[in-house]
């Protein structure tokens, strides 16, 4: 897993224009190749983990909450 220090989340929940910006070229290529890229966020809800996993679709860059296994892997890397 790769930690992004430059990723910035825009929008939350079901907002139609939510996205992630600030990814480096290396991080973008890693996501496209199937690798996991995560970044830290400020928790705004008690159910949030404090981390997001970057996703990519034809509509652009977005993020999602990590699964339990992914969160365990993230916390072990710290």
C-alpha atoms as a PDB file:
ATOM      1  CA  UNK A   1       0.000   0.000   0.000  1.00  0.00           C
ATOM      2  CA  UNK A   2       1.135   3.506  -0.820  1.00  0.00           C
ATOM      3  CA  UNK A   3       0.364   6.456   1.452  1.00  0.00           C
ATOM      4  CA  UNK A   4      -0.342   9.719  -0.339  1.00  0.00           C
ATOM      5  CA  UNK A   5       0.756  12.840   1.495  1.00  0.00           C
ATOM      6  CA  UNK A   6      -0.692  15.131  -1.201  1.00  0.00           C
ATOM      7  CA  UNK A   7      -4.226  13.774  -1.816  1.00  0.00           C
ATOM      8  CA  UNK A   8      -7.144  16.078  -1.004  1.00  0.00           C
ATOM      9  CA  UNK A   9     -10.782  14.965  -0.757  1.00  0.00           C
ATOM     10  CA  UNK A  10     -13.504  17.225  -2.174  1.00  0.00           C
ATOM     11  CA  UNK A  11     -17.157  16.563  -1.331  1.00  0.00           C
ATOM     12  CA  UNK A  12     -18.757  13.912   0.890  1.00  0.00           C
ATOM     13  CA  UNK A  13     -21.454  11.258   0.839  1.00  0.00           C
ATOM     14  CA  UNK A  14     -23.584  11.189  -2.291  1.00  0.00           C
ATOM     15  CA  UNK A  15     -22.501  14.600  -3.584  1.00  0.00           C
ATOM     16  CA  UNK A  16     -22.431  14.366  -7.398  1.00  0.00           C
ATOM     17  CA  UNK A  17     -19.095  16.148  -7.823  1.00  0.00           C
ATOM     18  CA  UNK A  18     -17.042  14.580  -5.050  1.00  0.00           C
ATOM     19  CA  UNK A  19     -13.475  13.784  -6.046  1.00  0.00           C
ATOM     20  CA  UNK A  20      -9.847  13.417  -4.991  1.00  0.00           C
ATOM     21  CA  UNK A  21      -7.165  15.793  -6.252  1.00  0.00           C
ATOM     22  CA  UNK A  22      -3.459  16.286  -5.608  1.00  0.00           C
ATOM     23  CA  UNK A  23      -2.362  12.760  -6.525  1.00  0.00           C
ATOM     24  CA  UNK A  24       1.134  12.391  -7.939  1.00  0.00           C
ATOM     25  CA  UNK A  25       1.706  10.700 -11.295  1.00  0.00           C
ATOM     26  CA  UNK A  26       3.165   7.669  -9.487  1.00  0.00           C
ATOM     27  CA  UNK A  27       0.076   7.387  -7.257  1.00  0.00           C
ATOM     28  CA  UNK A  28      -2.312   7.669 -10.229  1.00  0.00           C
ATOM     29  CA  UNK A  29      -0.436   4.941 -12.106  1.00  0.00           C
ATOM     30  CA  UNK A  30      -0.446   2.715  -9.008  1.00  0.00           C
ATOM     31  CA  UNK A  31      -4.247   2.967  -8.674  1.00  0.00           C
ATOM     32  CA  UNK A  32      -4.724   2.243 -12.391  1.00  0.00           C
ATOM     33  CA  UNK A  33      -2.462  -0.824 -12.013  1.00  0.00           C
ATOM     34  CA  UNK A  34      -4.593  -2.168  -9.148  1.00  0.00           C
ATOM     35  CA  UNK A  35      -2.403  -1.116  -6.220  1.00  0.00           C
ATOM     36  CA  UNK A  36      -3.935   0.461  -3.137  1.00  0.00           C
ATOM     37  CA  UNK A  37      -3.256   4.141  -2.418  1.00  0.00           C
ATOM     38  CA  UNK A  38      -4.588   5.609   0.823  1.00  0.00           C
ATOM     39  CA  UNK A  39      -4.574   9.003   2.487  1.00  0.00           C
ATOM     40  CA  UNK A  40      -5.468  10.430   5.873  1.00  0.00           C
ATOM     41  CA  UNK A  41      -8.567  12.560   6.472  1.00  0.00           C
ATOM     42  CA  UNK A  42      -9.967  14.370   9.479  1.00  0.00           C
ATOM     43  CA  UNK A  43     -12.757  12.304  10.980  1.00  0.00           C
ATOM     44  CA  UNK A  44     -16.101  14.119  10.746  1.00  0.00           C
ATOM     45  CA  UNK A  45     -18.182  11.169  11.968  1.00  0.00           C
ATOM     46  CA  UNK A  46     -17.492   8.561  14.627  1.00  0.00           C
ATOM     47  CA  UNK A  47     -17.940   5.719  12.103  1.00  0.00           C
ATOM     48  CA  UNK A  48     -15.112   6.972   9.866  1.00  0.00           C
ATOM     49  CA  UNK A  49     -11.714   5.330  10.053  1.00  0.00           C
ATOM     50  CA  UNK A  50      -9.684   8.475   9.378  1.00  0.00           C
ATOM     51  CA  UNK A  51      -8.338   7.033   6.115  1.00  0.00           C
ATOM     52  CA  UNK A  52      -9.610   6.774   2.530  1.00  0.00           C
ATOM     53  CA  UNK A  53      -8.663   4.453  -0.334  1.00  0.00           C
ATOM     54  CA  UNK A  54      -8.315   6.134  -3.744  1.00  0.00           C
ATOM     55  CA  UNK A  55     -10.539   4.769  -6.527  1.00  0.00           C
ATOM     56  CA  UNK A  56     -10.635   5.499 -10.250  1.00  0.00           C
ATOM     57  CA  UNK A  57     -13.465   5.293 -12.757  1.00  0.00           C
ATOM     58  CA  UNK A  58     -14.209   6.802 -16.170  1.00  0.00           C
ATOM     59  CA  UNK A  59     -15.694   9.733 -14.231  1.00  0.00           C
ATOM     60  CA  UNK A  60     -12.469  10.569 -12.366  1.00  0.00           C
ATOM     61  CA  UNK A  61     -10.733  10.029  -9.043  1.00  0.00           C
ATOM     62  CA  UNK A  62     -12.741   9.313  -5.897  1.00  0.00           C
ATOM     63  CA  UNK A  63     -12.270   7.563  -2.558  1.00  0.00           C
ATOM     64  CA  UNK A  64     -13.928   5.052  -0.282  1.00  0.00           C
ATOM     65  CA  UNK A  65     -13.625   3.787   3.277  1.00  0.00           C
ATOM     66  CA  UNK A  66     -11.088   0.974   3.685  1.00  0.00           C
ATOM     67  CA  UNK A  67     -12.304  -2.543   4.469  1.00  0.00           C
ATOM     68  CA  UNK A  68     -11.388  -4.051   7.849  1.00  0.00           C
ATOM     69  CA  UNK A  69      -8.466  -5.949   6.306  1.00  0.00           C
ATOM     70  CA  UNK A  70      -7.213  -2.845   4.489  1.00  0.00           C
ATOM     71  CA  UNK A  71      -7.472  -0.752   7.663  1.00  0.00           C
ATOM     72  CA  UNK A  72      -5.473  -3.378   9.568  1.00  0.00           C
ATOM     73  CA  UNK A  73      -2.783  -3.249   6.871  1.00  0.00           C
ATOM     74  CA  UNK A  74      -2.721   0.574   6.989  1.00  0.00           C
ATOM     75  CA  UNK A  75      -2.372   0.653  10.766  1.00  0.00           C
ATOM     76  CA  UNK A  76       0.428  -1.944  10.681  1.00  0.00           C
ATOM     77  CA  UNK A  77       2.386   0.228   8.246  1.00  0.00           C
ATOM     78  CA  UNK A  78       2.349   3.141  10.701  1.00  0.00           C
END
